[in-house]
Every structure is written in C-alpha cells, then in structure tokens.
C-alpha cells in the first residue's frame, strides 16, 4: 500500500474513532462506566498497517477521543477521564503494546485472520486493564469515595466493570477485527494488482 493511501486510511480510522466516541455504537453507557468499541479502529490499524508509527498514532487519537468525550459525561467515572494521564496515556500504551502483541503473534501464528481475532480481543483486554489501573493509581481515594457514594465497594465495582465492559469488548474485538481485516485484505489485493 502506498504511503499516501496509508495516511488517508489512517485518517479514516481516526475519524471513525471520533464518530464512534460520540455515538451509542462507540460508547455504550452502563451506569458505572461506558463500554466502548472505539478501540476497534486501533486493532484494525495495528493489523492492517503492520507499522509501529501508525499503531502509536492510532492509540494517541484513541486517547484524545476519550479525553474530549469525557467533557460530556455519561457515567460517574467519566469526569476522571478529563485528566490525560487517565484518558490519553493508557490508550497510547494500548496502541504501542497492541503492536508488539501483533508482532509476537505473527511469529507464532501464520493465519492473519486468527492473528486479527486475537489482537482484537487482547487490545480490548489491554484497554480495560490499563485504563482502570491508571484510574486507580491516579485517583485511588477519589474513585473509592465515588464508588462508596453510589453504594459500591471498590473491588466489587471493579469486578462489575470488568464483567460488564471487558468481556463483551473482548468478544466484539475478537469478532469484528478479523471480519474487517479480511475485507480490507481482499480490497488491497484487488486494487494493488
């Protein structure tokens, strides 16, 4: 794929992240927090481009979209995401770590669709783990009090978030990413001939 086409497609993926972050398709309110599908363009970019710099850029814009979206809260944890350490940094790391996961899997598994599925699931897992860990590290006392104000203990709330958000996000990432990669690979093959 030519560099101009890569830049244009990266722009489309970034635009898709911003659209998803402002619609119920991308930010599904669950009360405690919002489940997200905004990470899927990052997964697609990681696998399709196979390029570290694009993975970093997509992770960064995933974080920027989360940061901007936090100023119109849907859940009671959303205001904490107005801090870039909680909204941008973990998502940037998702792009970086997701790329290394992809490269590691590529050395072990030769089927690109299987790799795409695993990357979709693992990136979703990384997103939840890194975001919640950073939130707790930066705002431990505040988050504990916020959960207590809503009648949740910290550990039960984290368990609830993990079950309600992370598991469906892993499933969605593992299903949607390979489907889109398969279509993109066919298009890329067709138009590169």
Protein backbone atom coordinates (compact mmCIF):
# COMPACT_ATOMS: atom_id res chain seq x y z
CA UNK A 1 0.00 0.00 0.00
CA UNK A 2 1.37 3.40 -0.97
CA UNK A 3 2.22 5.89 1.77
CA UNK A 4 -0.48 8.34 0.59
CA UNK A 5 -3.09 5.60 0.82
CA UNK A 6 -1.86 4.64 4.30
CA UNK A 7 -2.16 8.24 5.51
CA UNK A 8 -5.64 8.56 4.00
CA UNK A 9 -6.82 5.27 5.55
CA UNK A 10 -5.31 6.23 8.93
CA UNK A 11 -7.31 9.46 8.70
CA UNK A 12 -10.46 7.45 8.06
CA UNK A 13 -9.76 5.24 11.10
CA UNK A 14 -9.15 8.32 13.27
CA UNK A 15 -12.37 9.94 12.02
CA UNK A 16 -14.21 6.68 12.77
CA UNK A 17 -12.88 6.74 16.35
CA UNK A 18 -14.26 10.24 16.86
CA UNK A 19 -17.63 9.29 15.34
CA UNK A 20 -17.83 6.17 17.50
CA UNK A 21 -16.86 8.10 20.64
CA UNK A 22 -19.89 10.39 20.16
CA UNK A 23 -22.46 7.72 19.34
CA UNK A 24 -24.05 4.89 21.26
CA UNK A 25 -22.28 2.49 18.87
CA UNK A 26 -18.93 3.51 20.32
CA UNK A 27 -19.72 4.49 23.91
CA UNK A 28 -22.40 2.28 25.40
CA UNK A 29 -23.47 3.75 28.76
CA UNK A 30 -23.72 1.16 31.52
CA UNK A 31 -24.18 3.44 34.55
CA UNK A 32 -20.89 2.77 36.32
CA UNK A 33 -18.87 3.31 33.15
CA UNK A 34 -19.24 3.08 29.40
CA UNK A 35 -18.38 0.03 27.32
CA UNK A 36 -16.52 1.02 24.18
CA UNK A 37 -15.96 -0.14 20.63
CA UNK A 38 -13.71 2.85 19.87
CA UNK A 39 -10.65 0.59 20.19
CA UNK A 40 -11.61 -1.42 17.09
CA UNK A 41 -10.11 1.06 14.57
CA UNK A 42 -6.87 0.80 16.56
CA UNK A 43 -6.95 -3.00 16.22
CA UNK A 44 -7.65 -2.73 12.50
CA UNK A 45 -4.78 -0.28 12.05
CA UNK A 46 -2.34 -2.43 14.02
CA UNK A 47 -3.00 -5.48 11.86
CA UNK A 48 -3.62 -3.81 8.50
CA UNK A 49 -0.67 -1.39 8.53
CA UNK A 50 1.82 -3.59 10.41
CA UNK A 51 3.64 -0.35 11.17
CA UNK A 52 4.68 0.85 14.64
CA UNK A 53 4.21 4.57 13.93
CA UNK A 54 0.61 4.08 12.79
CA UNK A 55 -0.13 2.00 15.89
CA UNK A 56 1.22 4.83 18.06
CA UNK A 57 -0.76 7.48 16.16
CA UNK A 58 -4.00 5.48 16.35
CA UNK A 59 -3.51 4.81 20.07
CA UNK A 60 -2.85 8.51 20.66
CA UNK A 61 -6.00 9.57 18.82
CA UNK A 62 -8.00 6.91 20.69
CA UNK A 63 -6.88 8.65 23.88
CA UNK A 64 -7.63 12.11 22.53
CA UNK A 65 -11.14 11.00 21.55
CA UNK A 66 -11.65 9.62 25.08
CA UNK A 67 -10.33 12.85 26.61
CA UNK A 68 -12.67 15.05 24.54
CA UNK A 69 -15.65 12.76 25.17
CA UNK A 70 -15.12 12.94 28.95
CA UNK A 71 -16.30 16.55 28.97
CA UNK A 72 -19.83 15.30 28.21
CA UNK A 73 -20.05 12.57 30.89
CA UNK A 74 -22.28 9.54 30.53
CA UNK A 75 -21.16 7.63 33.62
CA UNK A 76 -20.00 8.83 37.01
CA UNK A 77 -16.38 7.86 36.30
CA UNK A 78 -16.20 9.87 33.08
CA UNK A 79 -15.07 13.18 34.71
CA UNK A 80 -11.86 11.44 35.85
CA UNK A 81 -11.00 10.96 32.17
CA UNK A 82 -10.60 14.73 31.83
CA UNK A 83 -7.08 14.05 33.09
CA UNK A 84 -4.91 13.00 30.09
CA UNK A 85 -2.99 10.59 32.37
CA UNK A 86 -6.22 8.58 32.63
CA UNK A 87 -7.69 9.12 29.16
CA UNK A 88 -4.76 9.56 26.75
CA UNK A 89 -1.78 7.71 28.29
CA UNK A 90 -3.42 4.26 28.65
CA UNK A 91 -4.83 4.42 25.11
CA UNK A 92 -1.42 5.44 23.72
CA UNK A 93 0.03 2.41 25.52
CA UNK A 94 -2.76 0.27 24.02
CA UNK A 95 -1.52 1.19 20.54
CA UNK A 96 2.11 0.53 21.45
CA UNK A 97 1.56 -2.74 23.33
CA UNK A 98 -1.05 -3.88 20.79
CA UNK A 99 1.57 -3.55 18.05
CA UNK A 100 4.07 -5.69 19.98
CA UNK A 101 1.36 -8.28 20.67
CA UNK A 102 0.64 -8.35 16.93
CA UNK A 103 4.32 -8.76 16.04
CA UNK A 104 4.73 -11.53 18.64
CA UNK A 105 1.66 -13.40 17.42
CA UNK A 106 2.84 -13.03 13.80
CA UNK A 107 5.98 -15.01 14.67
CA UNK A 108 3.95 -17.87 16.16
CA UNK A 109 0.76 -17.95 14.06
CA UNK A 110 0.72 -17.72 10.27
CA UNK A 111 -3.03 -17.23 9.77
CA UNK A 112 -3.65 -13.46 9.53
CA UNK A 113 -7.36 -13.79 10.39
CA UNK A 114 -6.60 -15.71 13.59
CA UNK A 115 -3.99 -13.09 14.48
CA UNK A 116 -6.52 -10.31 13.84
CA UNK A 117 -9.04 -12.01 16.12
CA UNK A 118 -6.50 -12.42 18.91
CA UNK A 119 -5.29 -8.84 18.53
CA UNK A 120 -8.91 -7.59 18.69
CA UNK A 121 -9.50 -9.45 21.95
CA UNK A 122 -6.14 -8.67 23.54
CA UNK A 123 -6.32 -4.95 22.70
CA UNK A 124 -9.76 -4.80 24.35
CA UNK A 125 -8.30 -6.50 27.43
CA UNK A 126 -5.30 -4.13 27.45
CA UNK A 127 -7.62 -1.14 27.12
CA UNK A 128 -9.69 -2.08 30.16
CA UNK A 129 -6.71 -3.18 32.25
CA UNK A 130 -4.53 -0.16 31.50
CA UNK A 131 -7.35 2.36 31.79
CA UNK A 132 -8.72 1.02 35.07
CA UNK A 133 -5.21 0.59 36.53
CA UNK A 134 -4.27 4.15 35.66
CA UNK A 135 -7.57 5.46 37.02
CA UNK A 136 -6.97 3.69 40.33
CA UNK A 137 -3.31 4.76 40.52
CA UNK A 138 -4.07 8.42 39.86
CA UNK A 139 -7.37 8.75 41.74
CA UNK A 140 -7.45 5.89 44.27
CA UNK A 141 -9.06 7.83 47.14
CA UNK A 142 -11.44 9.78 44.91
CA UNK A 143 -12.57 6.71 42.98
CA UNK A 144 -13.02 4.71 46.18
CA UNK A 145 -15.19 7.51 47.59
CA UNK A 146 -17.16 7.84 44.34
CA UNK A 147 -17.90 4.11 44.34
CA UNK A 148 -18.86 4.29 48.03
CA UNK A 149 -21.21 7.22 47.32
CA UNK A 150 -23.03 5.03 44.80
CA UNK A 151 -23.13 2.07 47.18
CA UNK A 152 -20.28 0.05 45.66
CA UNK A 153 -17.13 -1.25 47.25
CA UNK A 154 -14.01 -0.65 45.17
CA UNK A 155 -13.32 -4.33 44.43
CA UNK A 156 -16.95 -5.22 43.66
CA UNK A 157 -17.20 -2.18 41.38
CA UNK A 158 -14.04 -3.15 39.51
CA UNK A 159 -15.35 -6.70 39.17
CA UNK A 160 -18.66 -5.39 37.82
CA UNK A 161 -16.89 -3.12 35.35
CA UNK A 162 -14.68 -5.97 34.22
CA UNK A 163 -17.64 -8.26 33.61
CA UNK A 164 -19.95 -5.65 32.06
CA UNK A 165 -17.33 -3.90 29.95
CA UNK A 166 -14.27 -6.01 29.36
CA UNK A 167 -15.79 -9.38 28.45
CA UNK A 168 -18.20 -8.02 25.81
CA UNK A 169 -15.46 -5.72 24.48
CA UNK A 170 -13.09 -8.69 24.11
CA UNK A 171 -15.78 -10.64 22.24
CA UNK A 172 -16.64 -7.73 19.95
CA UNK A 173 -12.97 -7.01 19.22
CA UNK A 174 -12.23 -10.68 18.52
CA UNK A 175 -15.20 -10.96 16.11
CA UNK A 176 -15.23 -7.62 14.28
CA UNK A 177 -11.48 -7.09 13.77
CA UNK A 178 -10.86 -10.23 11.65
CA UNK A 179 -14.01 -9.65 9.57
CA UNK A 180 -12.88 -6.15 8.63
CA UNK A 181 -9.27 -7.25 8.07
CA UNK A 182 -10.47 -9.98 5.69
CA UNK A 183 -12.44 -7.41 3.65
CA UNK A 184 -9.56 -4.91 3.66
CA UNK A 185 -7.06 -7.57 2.59
CA UNK A 186 -9.30 -8.54 -0.36
CA UNK A 187 -9.68 -4.90 -1.38
CA UNK A 188 -5.96 -4.27 -1.01
CA UNK A 189 -5.14 -7.31 -3.15
CA UNK A 190 -7.72 -6.35 -5.79
CA UNK A 191 -6.57 -2.73 -6.12
CA UNK A 192 -2.84 -3.38 -5.87
CA UNK A 193 -2.83 -5.61 -8.97
